Amino acid sequence: MKWHPRGYGGQRRDPERVKRDGWHEQGLFAVMVDDPRLTWPERALVEQLGTKLYGKRPQGGEVRHG
């Protein structure tokens, strides 16, 4: 008998799908400031919003994981 708790096993959603589902289902918005689909004014707005909500990024804008 194979039994997996909810959220384990099966197919993993790709990160873009997770972001899209988060927006549609919960109104959450996740975007990288350097997303190539954005124009420079849009990237500047994302940077401003992120700074306002979460504070300044590390010098050089390094991405921290974990």
N, C-alpha and C. Protein backbone atom coordinates (compact mmCIF):
# COMPACT_ATOMS: atom_id res chain seq x y z
N MET A 1 0.85 -1.18 0.00
CA MET A 1 0.00 0.00 0.00
C MET A 1 0.89 1.23 0.00
N LYS A 2 0.63 2.14 -0.93
CA LYS A 2 1.38 3.39 -0.98
C LYS A 2 0.50 4.50 -0.44
N TRP A 3 1.01 5.16 0.57
CA TRP A 3 0.28 6.28 1.15
C TRP A 3 1.25 7.42 1.37
N HIS A 4 0.92 8.59 0.88
CA HIS A 4 1.77 9.76 1.05
C HIS A 4 0.93 10.86 1.70
N PRO A 5 1.48 11.52 2.71
CA PRO A 5 0.75 12.66 3.27
C PRO A 5 0.54 13.73 2.21
N ARG A 6 -0.49 14.52 2.38
CA ARG A 6 -0.79 15.60 1.44
C ARG A 6 0.45 16.47 1.25
N GLY A 7 0.79 16.75 0.00
CA GLY A 7 1.94 17.57 -0.31
C GLY A 7 3.21 16.80 -0.58
N TYR A 8 3.17 15.49 -0.39
CA TYR A 8 4.34 14.65 -0.64
C TYR A 8 4.05 13.71 -1.79
N GLY A 9 5.07 13.44 -2.57
CA GLY A 9 4.88 12.54 -3.70
C GLY A 9 4.22 13.26 -4.86
N GLY A 10 4.01 12.57 -5.93
CA GLY A 10 3.35 13.17 -7.09
C GLY A 10 4.26 14.13 -7.83
N GLN A 11 3.66 14.97 -8.64
CA GLN A 11 4.41 15.92 -9.46
C GLN A 11 4.63 17.23 -8.72
N ARG A 12 5.83 17.77 -8.88
CA ARG A 12 6.15 19.08 -8.30
C ARG A 12 5.81 20.17 -9.29
N ARG A 13 5.21 21.25 -8.79
CA ARG A 13 4.90 22.38 -9.66
C ARG A 13 6.17 23.22 -9.89
N ASP A 14 6.32 23.74 -11.10
CA ASP A 14 7.47 24.58 -11.35
C ASP A 14 7.26 25.93 -10.64
N PRO A 15 8.35 26.66 -10.35
CA PRO A 15 8.23 27.90 -9.58
C PRO A 15 7.27 28.93 -10.19
N GLU A 16 7.24 29.05 -11.50
CA GLU A 16 6.32 30.01 -12.13
C GLU A 16 4.87 29.61 -11.85
N ARG A 17 4.59 28.33 -11.85
CA ARG A 17 3.23 27.85 -11.57
C ARG A 17 2.85 28.16 -10.12
N VAL A 18 3.81 27.98 -9.20
CA VAL A 18 3.56 28.29 -7.79
C VAL A 18 3.23 29.77 -7.64
N LYS A 19 4.01 30.63 -8.31
CA LYS A 19 3.75 32.08 -8.22
C LYS A 19 2.39 32.43 -8.82
N ARG A 20 2.07 31.85 -9.98
CA ARG A 20 0.78 32.12 -10.63
C ARG A 20 -0.37 31.67 -9.75
N ASP A 21 -0.26 30.46 -9.20
CA ASP A 21 -1.32 29.94 -8.32
C ASP A 21 -1.45 30.80 -7.06
N GLY A 22 -0.32 31.24 -6.52
CA GLY A 22 -0.37 32.10 -5.34
C GLY A 22 -1.11 33.39 -5.61
N TRP A 23 -0.89 33.96 -6.80
CA TRP A 23 -1.58 35.20 -7.17
C TRP A 23 -3.08 34.95 -7.34
N HIS A 24 -3.43 33.90 -8.07
CA HIS A 24 -4.84 33.62 -8.34
C HIS A 24 -5.60 33.18 -7.10
N GLU A 25 -4.97 32.38 -6.27
CA GLU A 25 -5.68 31.79 -5.14
C GLU A 25 -5.64 32.63 -3.87
N GLN A 26 -4.53 33.37 -3.65
CA GLN A 26 -4.38 34.06 -2.37
C GLN A 26 -4.02 35.53 -2.49
N GLY A 27 -3.87 36.02 -3.72
CA GLY A 27 -3.51 37.42 -3.90
C GLY A 27 -2.06 37.72 -3.53
N LEU A 28 -1.21 36.69 -3.50
CA LEU A 28 0.21 36.87 -3.22
C LEU A 28 0.94 37.15 -4.51
N PHE A 29 1.92 38.04 -4.45
CA PHE A 29 2.65 38.44 -5.64
C PHE A 29 4.14 38.26 -5.40
N ALA A 30 4.76 37.40 -6.18
CA ALA A 30 6.20 37.15 -6.05
C ALA A 30 6.84 37.42 -7.40
N VAL A 31 7.82 38.33 -7.41
CA VAL A 31 8.48 38.67 -8.66
C VAL A 31 9.94 39.00 -8.36
N MET A 32 10.84 38.59 -9.25
CA MET A 32 12.24 38.97 -9.11
C MET A 32 12.42 40.36 -9.70
N VAL A 33 13.18 41.18 -9.03
CA VAL A 33 13.36 42.56 -9.45
C VAL A 33 14.00 42.65 -10.83
N ASP A 34 14.75 41.64 -11.25
CA ASP A 34 15.38 41.68 -12.56
C ASP A 34 14.70 40.77 -13.58
N ASP A 35 13.42 40.49 -13.38
CA ASP A 35 12.67 39.65 -14.31
C ASP A 35 12.69 40.31 -15.70
N PRO A 36 13.19 39.60 -16.71
CA PRO A 36 13.31 40.20 -18.04
C PRO A 36 11.98 40.54 -18.71
N ARG A 37 10.89 40.04 -18.17
CA ARG A 37 9.58 40.38 -18.75
C ARG A 37 9.12 41.77 -18.36
N LEU A 38 9.81 42.39 -17.40
CA LEU A 38 9.43 43.71 -16.92
C LEU A 38 10.24 44.79 -17.62
N THR A 39 9.60 45.95 -17.81
CA THR A 39 10.31 47.11 -18.34
C THR A 39 11.09 47.75 -17.20
N TRP A 40 12.01 48.67 -17.51
CA TRP A 40 12.78 49.28 -16.42
C TRP A 40 11.91 50.04 -15.44
N PRO A 41 10.85 50.74 -15.87
CA PRO A 41 10.00 51.40 -14.85
C PRO A 41 9.30 50.39 -13.94
N GLU A 42 8.90 49.25 -14.50
CA GLU A 42 8.26 48.21 -13.69
C GLU A 42 9.25 47.63 -12.68
N ARG A 43 10.49 47.39 -13.13
CA ARG A 43 11.53 46.89 -12.21
C ARG A 43 11.79 47.90 -11.10
N ALA A 44 11.81 49.19 -11.44
CA ALA A 44 12.03 50.23 -10.43
C ALA A 44 10.89 50.22 -9.41
N LEU A 45 9.66 50.04 -9.88
CA LEU A 45 8.51 49.99 -8.98
C LEU A 45 8.61 48.79 -8.04
N VAL A 46 8.99 47.62 -8.59
CA VAL A 46 9.16 46.43 -7.76
C VAL A 46 10.21 46.69 -6.69
N GLU A 47 11.32 47.32 -7.08
CA GLU A 47 12.40 47.64 -6.14
C GLU A 47 11.89 48.58 -5.04
N GLN A 48 11.12 49.60 -5.42
CA GLN A 48 10.57 50.55 -4.44
C GLN A 48 9.62 49.86 -3.47
N LEU A 49 8.74 49.02 -4.00
CA LEU A 49 7.79 48.31 -3.14
C LEU A 49 8.51 47.37 -2.18
N GLY A 50 9.49 46.63 -2.69
CA GLY A 50 10.25 45.72 -1.84
C GLY A 50 10.97 46.46 -0.73
N THR A 51 11.58 47.59 -1.07
CA THR A 51 12.29 48.40 -0.07
C THR A 51 11.32 48.94 0.97
N LYS A 52 10.17 49.40 0.52
CA LYS A 52 9.18 49.94 1.45
C LYS A 52 8.67 48.87 2.42
N LEU A 53 8.39 47.69 1.90
CA LEU A 53 7.80 46.64 2.72
C LEU A 53 8.82 45.86 3.55
N TYR A 54 10.03 45.66 3.00
CA TYR A 54 10.98 44.74 3.63
C TYR A 54 12.34 45.34 3.93
N GLY A 55 12.56 46.59 3.58
CA GLY A 55 13.85 47.23 3.83
C GLY A 55 14.78 47.10 2.64
N LYS A 56 15.92 47.79 2.75
CA LYS A 56 16.89 47.78 1.66
C LYS A 56 17.51 46.40 1.49
N ARG A 57 17.88 46.11 0.24
CA ARG A 57 18.57 44.86 -0.08
C ARG A 57 20.05 45.01 0.26
N PRO A 58 20.76 43.90 0.41
CA PRO A 58 22.20 43.98 0.67
C PRO A 58 22.92 44.74 -0.44
N GLN A 59 24.05 45.36 -0.12
CA GLN A 59 24.84 46.10 -1.10
C GLN A 59 25.13 45.22 -2.31
N GLY A 60 24.93 45.73 -3.49
CA GLY A 60 25.16 44.95 -4.70
C GLY A 60 23.95 44.11 -5.11
N GLY A 61 22.93 44.03 -4.27
CA GLY A 61 21.71 43.30 -4.60
C GLY A 61 21.89 41.80 -4.69
N GLU A 62 22.84 41.25 -3.89
CA GLU A 62 23.03 39.81 -3.93
C GLU A 62 21.76 39.10 -3.50
N VAL A 63 21.49 37.99 -4.15
CA VAL A 63 20.34 37.18 -3.79
C VAL A 63 20.76 36.21 -2.69
N ARG A 64 20.03 36.24 -1.58
CA ARG A 64 20.31 35.31 -0.47
C ARG A 64 19.28 34.20 -0.50
N HIS A 65 19.74 32.98 -0.46
CA HIS A 65 18.83 31.82 -0.44
C HIS A 65 18.84 31.22 0.95
N GLY A 66 17.65 30.79 1.40
CA GLY A 66 17.56 30.09 2.67
C GLY A 66 17.34 30.99 3.74
